[in-house]
Amino acid sequence: MPSADPDQPFINFDPQFCRRIARVAAAACAVLVLCTIAILLTVDPSNTRCPGWILIAKNGTSNSVWGLVAMQAVPAIWISFIALNGRWFARRMIDKLSWGEQTLRADDAKGGGFLRFFGIGGKFEAMSAVRAGWVAFCSIPLLVIAVKCA
């Protein structure tokens, strides 16, 4: 479904929207990472249920909250990379969409498709859902601190 605009070859894909969503998600993830680091650096862990910011499980194993911060930083760095290189990512998406249009057209005779199976109507909703999932993943360390350590 190519459009007449050479900068937007697909009617159902808007590179500006993709960049905007990526920038919002990158900013949200960065804020969450910075808030988590600020809490871990400024709050005295001896007054919490996690002495030394160590989570102790019922079976005796322990994990550092800093490990969760490292896991939180990986998607934050990736989504920031996508936000900073929006044109490259949009070009890559357009290439993948054109490949998908050619190869999957015969498989989608009913007009349903993989995303419709999960109740997602189109590529915009899928991208927004993925970005929201990344932001939710970035909030896990803050939730752990609030629930387990407070």
C-alpha atoms as a PDB file:
ATOM      1  CA  MET A   1       0.000   0.000   0.000  1.00  0.00           C
ATOM      2  CA  PRO A   2       2.504   2.656  -1.063  1.00  0.00           C
ATOM      3  CA  SER A   3       1.410   6.259  -0.735  1.00  0.00           C
ATOM      4  CA  ALA A   4       2.136   9.094  -3.145  1.00  0.00           C
ATOM      5  CA  ASP A   5       4.599  10.727  -0.738  1.00  0.00           C
ATOM      6  CA  PRO A   6       8.135   9.309  -1.235  1.00  0.00           C
ATOM      7  CA  ASP A   7       9.027  10.068   2.412  1.00  0.00           C
ATOM      8  CA  GLN A   8       6.035   8.033   3.587  1.00  0.00           C
ATOM      9  CA  PRO A   9       5.763   4.945   1.362  1.00  0.00           C
ATOM     10  CA  PHE A  10       3.179   3.259   3.577  1.00  0.00           C
ATOM     11  CA  ILE A  11      -0.169   4.779   4.438  1.00  0.00           C
ATOM     12  CA  ASN A  12      -0.286   2.856   7.718  1.00  0.00           C
ATOM     13  CA  PHE A  13       3.215   3.880   8.879  1.00  0.00           C
ATOM     14  CA  ASP A  14       4.111   7.385   9.977  1.00  0.00           C
ATOM     15  CA  PRO A  15       7.845   7.879  10.720  1.00  0.00           C
ATOM     16  CA  GLN A  16       7.195  11.107  12.653  1.00  0.00           C
ATOM     17  CA  PHE A  17       4.728   9.309  14.919  1.00  0.00           C
ATOM     18  CA  CYS A  18       7.247   6.496  15.420  1.00  0.00           C
ATOM     19  CA  ARG A  19       9.966   9.006  16.396  1.00  0.00           C
ATOM     20  CA  ARG A  20       7.620  10.888  18.703  1.00  0.00           C
ATOM     21  CA  ILE A  21       6.586   7.722  20.554  1.00  0.00           C
ATOM     22  CA  ALA A  22      10.232   6.618  20.801  1.00  0.00           C
ATOM     23  CA  ARG A  23      11.264  10.006  22.222  1.00  0.00           C
ATOM     24  CA  VAL A  24       8.499   9.985  24.828  1.00  0.00           C
ATOM     25  CA  ALA A  25       9.351   6.413  25.841  1.00  0.00           C
ATOM     26  CA  ALA A  26      13.083   7.224  25.965  1.00  0.00           C
ATOM     27  CA  ALA A  27      12.449  10.240  28.175  1.00  0.00           C
ATOM     28  CA  ALA A  28      10.203   8.205  30.488  1.00  0.00           C
ATOM     29  CA  CYS A  29      12.774   5.393  30.767  1.00  0.00           C
ATOM     30  CA  ALA A  30      15.584   7.884  31.412  1.00  0.00           C
ATOM     31  CA  VAL A  31      13.569   9.560  34.169  1.00  0.00           C
ATOM     32  CA  LEU A  32      12.793   6.179  35.747  1.00  0.00           C
ATOM     33  CA  VAL A  33      16.444   5.096  35.657  1.00  0.00           C
ATOM     34  CA  LEU A  34      17.617   8.414  37.117  1.00  0.00           C
ATOM     35  CA  CYS A  35      14.962   8.312  39.849  1.00  0.00           C
ATOM     36  CA  THR A  36      15.957   4.781  40.783  1.00  0.00           C
ATOM     37  CA  ILE A  37      19.644   5.712  40.941  1.00  0.00           C
ATOM     38  CA  ALA A  38      18.848   8.841  42.962  1.00  0.00           C
ATOM     39  CA  ILE A  39      16.828   6.810  45.464  1.00  0.00           C
ATOM     40  CA  LEU A  40      19.545   4.187  45.805  1.00  0.00           C
ATOM     41  CA  LEU A  41      22.241   6.824  46.319  1.00  0.00           C
ATOM     42  CA  THR A  42      20.372   9.132  48.696  1.00  0.00           C
ATOM     43  CA  VAL A  43      18.246   6.853  50.879  1.00  0.00           C
ATOM     44  CA  ASP A  44      20.014   5.078  53.732  1.00  0.00           C
ATOM     45  CA  PRO A  45      19.378   1.352  53.140  1.00  0.00           C
ATOM     46  CA  SER A  46      19.901   0.464  56.816  1.00  0.00           C
ATOM     47  CA  ASN A  47      16.476   1.998  57.594  1.00  0.00           C
ATOM     48  CA  THR A  48      14.727  -0.230  55.034  1.00  0.00           C
ATOM     49  CA  ARG A  49      13.872  -3.925  54.783  1.00  0.00           C
ATOM     50  CA  CYS A  50      16.735  -4.242  52.260  1.00  0.00           C
ATOM     51  CA  PRO A  51      19.968  -3.625  54.178  1.00  0.00           C
ATOM     52  CA  GLY A  52      22.690  -2.610  51.738  1.00  0.00           C
ATOM     53  CA  TRP A  53      20.067  -2.687  48.961  1.00  0.00           C
ATOM     54  CA  ILE A  54      20.168  -6.487  48.986  1.00  0.00           C
ATOM     55  CA  LEU A  55      16.934  -8.402  48.402  1.00  0.00           C
ATOM     56  CA  ILE A  56      16.915 -11.554  50.505  1.00  0.00           C
ATOM     57  CA  ALA A  57      14.551 -14.305  49.368  1.00  0.00           C
ATOM     58  CA  LYS A  58      12.823 -16.825  51.662  1.00  0.00           C
ATOM     59  CA  ASN A  59      15.157 -19.590  50.504  1.00  0.00           C
ATOM     60  CA  GLY A  60      18.209 -17.572  51.595  1.00  0.00           C
ATOM     61  CA  THR A  61      19.428 -16.362  48.216  1.00  0.00           C
ATOM     62  CA  SER A  62      20.091 -12.690  47.740  1.00  0.00           C
ATOM     63  CA  ASN A  63      20.179 -10.262  44.841  1.00  0.00           C
ATOM     64  CA  SER A  64      21.301  -6.686  44.707  1.00  0.00           C
ATOM     65  CA  VAL A  65      18.859  -3.978  43.701  1.00  0.00           C
ATOM     66  CA  TRP A  66      21.713  -2.545  41.621  1.00  0.00           C
ATOM     67  CA  GLY A  67      21.417  -5.612  39.390  1.00  0.00           C
ATOM     68  CA  LEU A  68      17.840  -4.592  38.668  1.00  0.00           C
ATOM     69  CA  VAL A  69      19.076  -1.097  37.810  1.00  0.00           C
ATOM     70  CA  ALA A  70      21.538  -2.610  35.328  1.00  0.00           C
ATOM     71  CA  MET A  71      18.683  -4.609  33.787  1.00  0.00           C
ATOM     72  CA  GLN A  72      16.594  -1.426  33.720  1.00  0.00           C
ATOM     73  CA  ALA A  73      19.335   0.524  31.969  1.00  0.00           C
ATOM     74  CA  VAL A  74      19.585  -1.828  28.977  1.00  0.00           C
ATOM     75  CA  PRO A  75      16.117  -1.114  27.527  1.00  0.00           C
ATOM     76  CA  ALA A  76      16.500   2.560  28.454  1.00  0.00           C
ATOM     77  CA  ILE A  77      19.723   2.757  26.426  1.00  0.00           C
ATOM     78  CA  TRP A  78      18.144   0.865  23.513  1.00  0.00           C
ATOM     79  CA  ILE A  79      15.026   3.026  23.361  1.00  0.00           C
ATOM     80  CA  SER A  80      17.250   6.121  23.592  1.00  0.00           C
ATOM     81  CA  PHE A  81      19.280   4.802  20.665  1.00  0.00           C
ATOM     82  CA  ILE A  82      16.088   4.371  18.664  1.00  0.00           C
ATOM     83  CA  ALA A  83      14.927   7.883  19.620  1.00  0.00           C
ATOM     84  CA  LEU A  84      18.257   9.454  18.653  1.00  0.00           C
ATOM     85  CA  ASN A  85      18.472   7.510  15.378  1.00  0.00           C
ATOM     86  CA  GLY A  86      14.844   7.885  14.377  1.00  0.00           C
ATOM     87  CA  ARG A  87      15.481   8.189  10.655  1.00  0.00           C
ATOM     88  CA  TRP A  88      17.549   4.994  10.567  1.00  0.00           C
ATOM     89  CA  PHE A  89      14.919   3.120  12.565  1.00  0.00           C
ATOM     90  CA  ALA A  90      12.085   4.457  10.365  1.00  0.00           C
ATOM     91  CA  ARG A  91      13.962   3.406   7.225  1.00  0.00           C
ATOM     92  CA  ARG A  92      14.475  -0.047   8.734  1.00  0.00           C
ATOM     93  CA  MET A  93      10.761  -0.294   9.610  1.00  0.00           C
ATOM     94  CA  ILE A  94       9.792   0.718   6.070  1.00  0.00           C
ATOM     95  CA  ASP A  95      12.124  -1.943   4.670  1.00  0.00           C
ATOM     96  CA  LYS A  96      10.618  -4.584   6.959  1.00  0.00           C
ATOM     97  CA  LEU A  97       7.082  -3.471   6.135  1.00  0.00           C
ATOM     98  CA  SER A  98       7.741  -3.651   2.402  1.00  0.00           C
ATOM     99  CA  TRP A  99       9.199  -7.142   2.833  1.00  0.00           C
ATOM    100  CA  GLY A 100       6.192  -8.122   4.935  1.00  0.00           C
ATOM    101  CA  GLU A 101       3.721  -6.705   2.425  1.00  0.00           C
ATOM    102  CA  GLN A 102       5.285  -8.841  -0.295  1.00  0.00           C
ATOM    103  CA  THR A 103       5.697 -12.080   1.622  1.00  0.00           C
ATOM    104  CA  LEU A 104       2.691 -12.133   3.927  1.00  0.00           C
ATOM    105  CA  ARG A 105       0.006 -10.833   1.576  1.00  0.00           C
ATOM    106  CA  ALA A 106      -1.051 -14.329   0.465  1.00  0.00           C
ATOM    107  CA  ASP A 107      -1.239 -15.566   4.079  1.00  0.00           C
ATOM    108  CA  ASP A 108      -3.611 -12.808   5.198  1.00  0.00           C
ATOM    109  CA  ALA A 109      -6.656 -13.613   3.079  1.00  0.00           C
ATOM    110  CA  LYS A 110      -9.138 -12.937   5.909  1.00  0.00           C
ATOM    111  CA  GLY A 111      -7.606  -9.563   6.808  1.00  0.00           C
ATOM    112  CA  GLY A 112      -6.858 -10.676  10.361  1.00  0.00           C
ATOM    113  CA  GLY A 113      -3.167 -11.199  10.805  1.00  0.00           C
ATOM    114  CA  PHE A 114      -0.960 -11.805  13.790  1.00  0.00           C
ATOM    115  CA  LEU A 115      -1.559  -8.458  15.523  1.00  0.00           C
ATOM    116  CA  ARG A 116      -5.345  -8.718  15.226  1.00  0.00           C
ATOM    117  CA  PHE A 117      -5.178 -12.031  17.095  1.00  0.00           C
ATOM    118  CA  PHE A 118      -3.960 -10.084  20.143  1.00  0.00           C
ATOM    119  CA  GLY A 119      -6.540  -7.315  19.693  1.00  0.00           C
ATOM    120  CA  ILE A 120      -4.067  -4.802  18.281  1.00  0.00           C
ATOM    121  CA  GLY A 121      -5.534  -3.020  15.286  1.00  0.00           C
ATOM    122  CA  GLY A 122      -2.473  -1.824  13.421  1.00  0.00           C
ATOM    123  CA  LYS A 123       1.190  -0.941  13.455  1.00  0.00           C
ATOM    124  CA  PHE A 124       0.698   2.307  15.380  1.00  0.00           C
ATOM    125  CA  GLU A 125      -0.995   0.499  18.233  1.00  0.00           C
ATOM    126  CA  ALA A 126       1.629  -2.250  18.185  1.00  0.00           C
ATOM    127  CA  MET A 127       4.483   0.258  18.382  1.00  0.00           C
ATOM    128  CA  SER A 128       2.764   2.166  21.158  1.00  0.00           C
ATOM    129  CA  ALA A 129       2.110  -1.065  23.066  1.00  0.00           C
ATOM    130  CA  VAL A 130       5.755  -2.141  22.721  1.00  0.00           C
ATOM    131  CA  ARG A 131       7.021   1.252  23.893  1.00  0.00           C
ATOM    132  CA  ALA A 132       4.596   1.195  26.836  1.00  0.00           C
ATOM    133  CA  GLY A 133       5.884  -2.268  27.702  1.00  0.00           C
ATOM    134  CA  TRP A 134       9.457  -0.983  27.710  1.00  0.00           C
ATOM    135  CA  VAL A 135       8.514   1.865  30.024  1.00  0.00           C
ATOM    136  CA  ALA A 136       6.693  -0.591  32.303  1.00  0.00           C
ATOM    137  CA  PHE A 137       9.799  -2.787  32.344  1.00  0.00           C
ATOM    138  CA  CYS A 138      11.902   0.240  33.284  1.00  0.00           C
ATOM    139  CA  SER A 139       9.618   0.868  36.266  1.00  0.00           C
ATOM    140  CA  ILE A 140      10.181  -2.591  37.806  1.00  0.00           C
ATOM    141  CA  PRO A 141      13.133  -1.573  40.042  1.00  0.00           C
ATOM    142  CA  LEU A 142      11.143   1.323  41.494  1.00  0.00           C
ATOM    143  CA  LEU A 143       8.240  -1.017  42.181  1.00  0.00           C
ATOM    144  CA  VAL A 144      10.565  -3.524  43.852  1.00  0.00           C
ATOM    145  CA  ILE A 145      12.042  -0.787  46.031  1.00  0.00           C
ATOM    146  CA  ALA A 146       8.557   0.452  46.958  1.00  0.00           C
ATOM    147  CA  VAL A 147       7.116  -3.003  47.701  1.00  0.00           C
ATOM    148  CA  LYS A 148      10.015  -5.027  49.072  1.00  0.00           C
ATOM    149  CA  CYS A 149      12.245  -2.423  50.676  1.00  0.00           C
ATOM    150  CA  ALA A 150       9.978   0.343  51.981  1.00  0.00           C
END
